[in-house]
Amino acid sequence: MSKPEVICFPVSERIGHYADAVRVPPGYELILVLGTPGLDENGALADNITDQARQA
């Protein structure tokens, strides 16, 4: 079995060890989609969940 394909967009790259999605190898057609936190344009995370949801 080949390795899963990790898919990252610019926001997740700012966070660190995080992926937006993972595609499972052929024969296992399964795509796992992960949540993205609400970062502002500078990559800062809001202080509370309400503001994070607005930014997301």
PDB file of N, CA and C in Angstrom:
ATOM      1  N   MET A   1       0.850  -1.175   0.000  1.00  0.00           N
ATOM      2  CA  MET A   1       0.000   0.000   0.000  1.00  0.00           C
ATOM      3  C   MET A   1       0.896   1.239   0.000  1.00  0.00           C
ATOM      4  N   SER A   2       0.563   2.211  -0.843  1.00  0.00           N
ATOM      5  CA  SER A   2       1.324   3.457  -0.870  1.00  0.00           C
ATOM      6  C   SER A   2       0.900   4.356   0.290  1.00  0.00           C
ATOM      7  N   LYS A   3       1.672   5.410   0.505  1.00  0.00           N
ATOM      8  CA  LYS A   3       1.392   6.322   1.614  1.00  0.00           C
ATOM      9  C   LYS A   3       0.198   7.224   1.303  1.00  0.00           C
ATOM     10  N   PRO A   4      -0.526   7.671   2.339  1.00  0.00           N
ATOM     11  CA  PRO A   4      -1.612   8.630   2.138  1.00  0.00           C
ATOM     12  C   PRO A   4      -1.065   9.961   1.617  1.00  0.00           C
ATOM     13  N   GLU A   5      -1.871  10.689   0.856  1.00  0.00           N
ATOM     14  CA  GLU A   5      -1.507  12.014   0.360  1.00  0.00           C
ATOM     15  C   GLU A   5      -2.032  13.050   1.345  1.00  0.00           C
ATOM     16  N   VAL A   6      -1.146  13.833   1.903  1.00  0.00           N
ATOM     17  CA  VAL A   6      -1.528  14.889   2.835  1.00  0.00           C
ATOM     18  C   VAL A   6      -1.745  16.165   2.030  1.00  0.00           C
ATOM     19  N   ILE A   7      -2.890  16.809   2.220  1.00  0.00           N
ATOM     20  CA  ILE A   7      -3.254  18.005   1.466  1.00  0.00           C
ATOM     21  C   ILE A   7      -3.284  19.191   2.430  1.00  0.00           C
ATOM     22  N   CYS A   8      -2.452  20.203   2.156  1.00  0.00           N
ATOM     23  CA  CYS A   8      -2.374  21.387   3.018  1.00  0.00           C
ATOM     24  C   CYS A   8      -2.606  22.653   2.208  1.00  0.00           C
ATOM     25  N   PHE A   9      -3.316  23.584   2.779  1.00  0.00           N
ATOM     26  CA  PHE A   9      -3.536  24.900   2.197  1.00  0.00           C
ATOM     27  C   PHE A   9      -2.755  25.918   3.029  1.00  0.00           C
ATOM     28  N   PRO A  10      -2.603  27.158   2.560  1.00  0.00           N
ATOM     29  CA  PRO A  10      -1.772  28.137   3.278  1.00  0.00           C
ATOM     30  C   PRO A  10      -2.095  28.317   4.763  1.00  0.00           C
ATOM     31  N   VAL A  11      -3.360  28.267   5.138  1.00  0.00           N
ATOM     32  CA  VAL A  11      -3.706  28.457   6.550  1.00  0.00           C
ATOM     33  C   VAL A  11      -3.129  27.345   7.405  1.00  0.00           C
ATOM     34  N   SER A  12      -3.270  26.101   6.982  1.00  0.00           N
ATOM     35  CA  SER A  12      -2.772  24.992   7.794  1.00  0.00           C
ATOM     36  C   SER A  12      -1.256  25.001   7.895  1.00  0.00           C
ATOM     37  N   GLU A  13      -0.570  25.486   6.870  1.00  0.00           N
ATOM     38  CA  GLU A  13       0.891  25.547   6.915  1.00  0.00           C
ATOM     39  C   GLU A  13       1.372  26.514   7.991  1.00  0.00           C
ATOM     40  N   ARG A  14       0.596  27.544   8.302  1.00  0.00           N
ATOM     41  CA  ARG A  14       0.963  28.499   9.356  1.00  0.00           C
ATOM     42  C   ARG A  14       0.830  27.889  10.746  1.00  0.00           C
ATOM     43  N   ILE A  15      -0.074  26.925  10.891  1.00  0.00           N
ATOM     44  CA  ILE A  15      -0.352  26.338  12.199  1.00  0.00           C
ATOM     45  C   ILE A  15       0.772  25.410  12.631  1.00  0.00           C
ATOM     46  N   GLY A  16       1.353  24.690  11.689  1.00  0.00           N
ATOM     47  CA  GLY A  16       2.403  23.741  12.022  1.00  0.00           C
ATOM     48  C   GLY A  16       2.027  22.352  11.561  1.00  0.00           C
ATOM     49  N   HIS A  17       2.137  21.372  12.444  1.00  0.00           N
ATOM     50  CA  HIS A  17       1.872  19.977  12.089  1.00  0.00           C
ATOM     51  C   HIS A  17       0.358  19.758  12.017  1.00  0.00           C
ATOM     52  N   TYR A  18      -0.213  20.082  10.881  1.00  0.00           N
ATOM     53  CA  TYR A  18      -1.661  20.059  10.687  1.00  0.00           C
ATOM     54  C   TYR A  18      -1.925  19.878   9.203  1.00  0.00           C
ATOM     55  N   ALA A  19      -2.954  19.143   8.855  1.00  0.00           N
ATOM     56  CA  ALA A  19      -3.333  18.957   7.453  1.00  0.00           C
ATOM     57  C   ALA A  19      -4.815  19.253   7.293  1.00  0.00           C
ATOM     58  N   ASP A  20      -5.176  19.818   6.140  1.00  0.00           N
ATOM     59  CA  ASP A  20      -6.580  20.083   5.852  1.00  0.00           C
ATOM     60  C   ASP A  20      -7.314  18.812   5.455  1.00  0.00           C
ATOM     61  N   ALA A  21      -6.610  17.893   4.835  1.00  0.00           N
ATOM     62  CA  ALA A  21      -7.234  16.644   4.391  1.00  0.00           C
ATOM     63  C   ALA A  21      -6.163  15.582   4.173  1.00  0.00           C
ATOM     64  N   VAL A  22      -6.584  14.327   4.145  1.00  0.00           N
ATOM     65  CA  VAL A  22      -5.704  13.195   3.848  1.00  0.00           C
ATOM     66  C   VAL A  22      -6.437  12.298   2.867  1.00  0.00           C
ATOM     67  N   ARG A  23      -5.785  12.002   1.725  1.00  0.00           N
ATOM     68  CA  ARG A  23      -6.382  11.096   0.749  1.00  0.00           C
ATOM     69  C   ARG A  23      -5.746   9.715   0.937  1.00  0.00           C
ATOM     70  N   VAL A  24      -6.580   8.704   1.108  1.00  0.00           N
ATOM     71  CA  VAL A  24      -6.129   7.335   1.313  1.00  0.00           C
ATOM     72  C   VAL A  24      -5.756   6.730  -0.042  1.00  0.00           C
ATOM     73  N   PRO A  25      -4.743   5.856  -0.098  1.00  0.00           N
ATOM     74  CA  PRO A  25      -4.267   5.277  -1.362  1.00  0.00           C
ATOM     75  C   PRO A  25      -5.361   4.558  -2.161  1.00  0.00           C
ATOM     76  N   PRO A  26      -5.090   4.326  -3.466  1.00  0.00           N
ATOM     77  CA  PRO A  26      -6.032   3.609  -4.337  1.00  0.00           C
ATOM     78  C   PRO A  26      -6.484   2.286  -3.716  1.00  0.00           C
ATOM     79  N   GLY A  27      -7.723   1.960  -3.964  1.00  0.00           N
ATOM     80  CA  GLY A  27      -8.295   0.754  -3.382  1.00  0.00           C
ATOM     81  C   GLY A  27      -9.001   1.053  -2.062  1.00  0.00           C
ATOM     82  N   TYR A  28      -8.751   2.218  -1.528  1.00  0.00           N
ATOM     83  CA  TYR A  28      -9.348   2.670  -0.281  1.00  0.00           C
ATOM     84  C   TYR A  28      -9.889   4.069  -0.506  1.00  0.00           C
ATOM     85  N   GLU A  29     -10.823   4.246  -1.415  1.00  0.00           N
ATOM     86  CA  GLU A  29     -11.323   5.572  -1.786  1.00  0.00           C
ATOM     87  C   GLU A  29     -12.028   6.214  -0.603  1.00  0.00           C
ATOM     88  N   LEU A  30     -11.253   6.862   0.192  1.00  0.00           N
ATOM     89  CA  LEU A  30     -11.738   7.496   1.406  1.00  0.00           C
ATOM     90  C   LEU A  30     -10.976   8.801   1.577  1.00  0.00           C
ATOM     91  N   ILE A  31     -11.675   9.899   1.776  1.00  0.00           N
ATOM     92  CA  ILE A  31     -11.027  11.182   2.013  1.00  0.00           C
ATOM     93  C   ILE A  31     -11.484  11.688   3.376  1.00  0.00           C
ATOM     94  N   LEU A  32     -10.533  11.961   4.246  1.00  0.00           N
ATOM     95  CA  LEU A  32     -10.821  12.484   5.573  1.00  0.00           C
ATOM     96  C   LEU A  32     -10.606  13.989   5.537  1.00  0.00           C
ATOM     97  N   VAL A  33     -11.596  14.751   5.944  1.00  0.00           N
ATOM     98  CA  VAL A  33     -11.496  16.207   5.923  1.00  0.00           C
ATOM     99  C   VAL A  33     -11.469  16.713   7.359  1.00  0.00           C
ATOM    100  N   LEU A  34     -10.505  17.575   7.664  1.00  0.00           N
ATOM    101  CA  LEU A  34     -10.305  18.070   9.014  1.00  0.00           C
ATOM    102  C   LEU A  34     -10.727  19.532   9.110  1.00  0.00           C
ATOM    103  N   GLY A  35     -11.056  19.979  10.285  1.00  0.00           N
ATOM    104  CA  GLY A  35     -11.466  21.364  10.478  1.00  0.00           C
ATOM    105  C   GLY A  35     -10.293  22.333  10.436  1.00  0.00           C
ATOM    106  N   THR A  36     -10.569  23.568  10.103  1.00  0.00           N
ATOM    107  CA  THR A  36      -9.560  24.618  10.064  1.00  0.00           C
ATOM    108  C   THR A  36      -9.919  25.690  11.080  1.00  0.00           C
ATOM    109  N   PRO A  37      -8.990  26.052  11.963  1.00  0.00           N
ATOM    110  CA  PRO A  37      -9.300  27.094  12.941  1.00  0.00           C
ATOM    111  C   PRO A  37      -9.437  28.462  12.290  1.00  0.00           C
ATOM    112  N   GLY A  38     -10.098  29.354  12.968  1.00  0.00           N
ATOM    113  CA  GLY A  38     -10.316  30.698  12.438  1.00  0.00           C
ATOM    114  C   GLY A  38      -9.134  31.618  12.678  1.00  0.00           C
ATOM    115  N   LEU A  39      -8.204  31.641  11.750  1.00  0.00           N
ATOM    116  CA  LEU A  39      -7.055  32.532  11.839  1.00  0.00           C
ATOM    117  C   LEU A  39      -7.325  33.794  11.033  1.00  0.00           C
ATOM    118  N   ASP A  40      -6.761  34.924  11.487  1.00  0.00           N
ATOM    119  CA  ASP A  40      -6.903  36.141  10.695  1.00  0.00           C
ATOM    120  C   ASP A  40      -5.838  36.177   9.602  1.00  0.00           C
ATOM    121  N   GLU A  41      -5.795  37.256   8.825  1.00  0.00           N
ATOM    122  CA  GLU A  41      -4.875  37.343   7.687  1.00  0.00           C
ATOM    123  C   GLU A  41      -3.404  37.319   8.101  1.00  0.00           C
ATOM    124  N   ASN A  42      -3.114  37.560   9.390  1.00  0.00           N
ATOM    125  CA  ASN A  42      -1.738  37.514   9.894  1.00  0.00           C
ATOM    126  C   ASN A  42      -1.403  36.179  10.541  1.00  0.00           C
ATOM    127  N   GLY A  43      -2.364  35.256  10.546  1.00  0.00           N
ATOM    128  CA  GLY A  43      -2.149  33.945  11.138  1.00  0.00           C
ATOM    129  C   GLY A  43      -2.403  33.895  12.632  1.00  0.00           C
ATOM    130  N   ALA A  44      -3.000  34.945  13.188  1.00  0.00           N
ATOM    131  CA  ALA A  44      -3.293  34.986  14.621  1.00  0.00           C
ATOM    132  C   ALA A  44      -4.625  34.300  14.912  1.00  0.00           C
ATOM    133  N   LEU A  45      -4.661  33.591  16.022  1.00  0.00           N
ATOM    134  CA  LEU A  45      -5.868  32.905  16.462  1.00  0.00           C
ATOM    135  C   LEU A  45      -6.621  33.803  17.440  1.00  0.00           C
ATOM    136  N   ALA A  46      -7.930  33.925  17.259  1.00  0.00           N
ATOM    137  CA  ALA A  46      -8.753  34.756  18.147  1.00  0.00           C
ATOM    138  C   ALA A  46      -8.730  34.197  19.568  1.00  0.00           C
ATOM    139  N   ASP A  47      -9.024  35.053  20.544  1.00  0.00           N
ATOM    140  CA  ASP A  47      -8.960  34.674  21.956  1.00  0.00           C
ATOM    141  C   ASP A  47     -10.063  33.725  22.411  1.00  0.00           C
ATOM    142  N   ASN A  48     -11.225  33.726  21.721  1.00  0.00           N
ATOM    143  CA  ASN A  48     -12.326  32.882  22.178  1.00  0.00           C
ATOM    144  C   ASN A  48     -12.983  32.180  20.988  1.00  0.00           C
ATOM    145  N   ILE A  49     -13.773  31.161  21.279  1.00  0.00           N
ATOM    146  CA  ILE A  49     -14.371  30.312  20.247  1.00  0.00           C
ATOM    147  C   ILE A  49     -15.335  31.091  19.354  1.00  0.00           C
ATOM    148  N   THR A  50     -16.047  32.063  19.907  1.00  0.00           N
ATOM    149  CA  THR A  50     -16.990  32.844  19.106  1.00  0.00           C
ATOM    150  C   THR A  50     -16.252  33.628  18.026  1.00  0.00           C
ATOM    151  N   ASP A  51     -15.180  34.308  18.410  1.00  0.00           N
ATOM    152  CA  ASP A  51     -14.400  35.070  17.434  1.00  0.00           C
ATOM    153  C   ASP A  51     -13.673  34.153  16.447  1.00  0.00           C
ATOM    154  N   GLN A  52     -13.229  32.979  16.909  1.00  0.00           N
ATOM    155  CA  GLN A  52     -12.598  32.015  16.009  1.00  0.00           C
ATOM    156  C   GLN A  52     -13.589  31.558  14.944  1.00  0.00           C
ATOM    157  N   ALA A  53     -14.837  31.312  15.340  1.00  0.00           N
ATOM    158  CA  ALA A  53     -15.864  30.881  14.389  1.00  0.00           C
ATOM    159  C   ALA A  53     -16.137  31.973  13.361  1.00  0.00           C
ATOM    160  N   ARG A  54     -16.149  33.222  13.790  1.00  0.00           N
ATOM    161  CA  ARG A  54     -16.345  34.337  12.856  1.00  0.00           C
ATOM    162  C   ARG A  54     -15.213  34.403  11.834  1.00  0.00           C
ATOM    163  N   GLN A  55     -13.984  34.212  12.297  1.00  0.00           N
ATOM    164  CA  GLN A  55     -12.829  34.286  11.408  1.00  0.00           C
ATOM    165  C   GLN A  55     -12.762  33.104  10.448  1.00  0.00           C
ATOM    166  N   ALA A  56     -13.272  31.955  10.874  1.00  0.00           N
ATOM    167  CA  ALA A  56     -13.225  30.766  10.014  1.00  0.00           C
ATOM    168  C   ALA A  56     -14.129  30.974   8.831  1.00  0.00           C
TER     169      ALA A  56
END
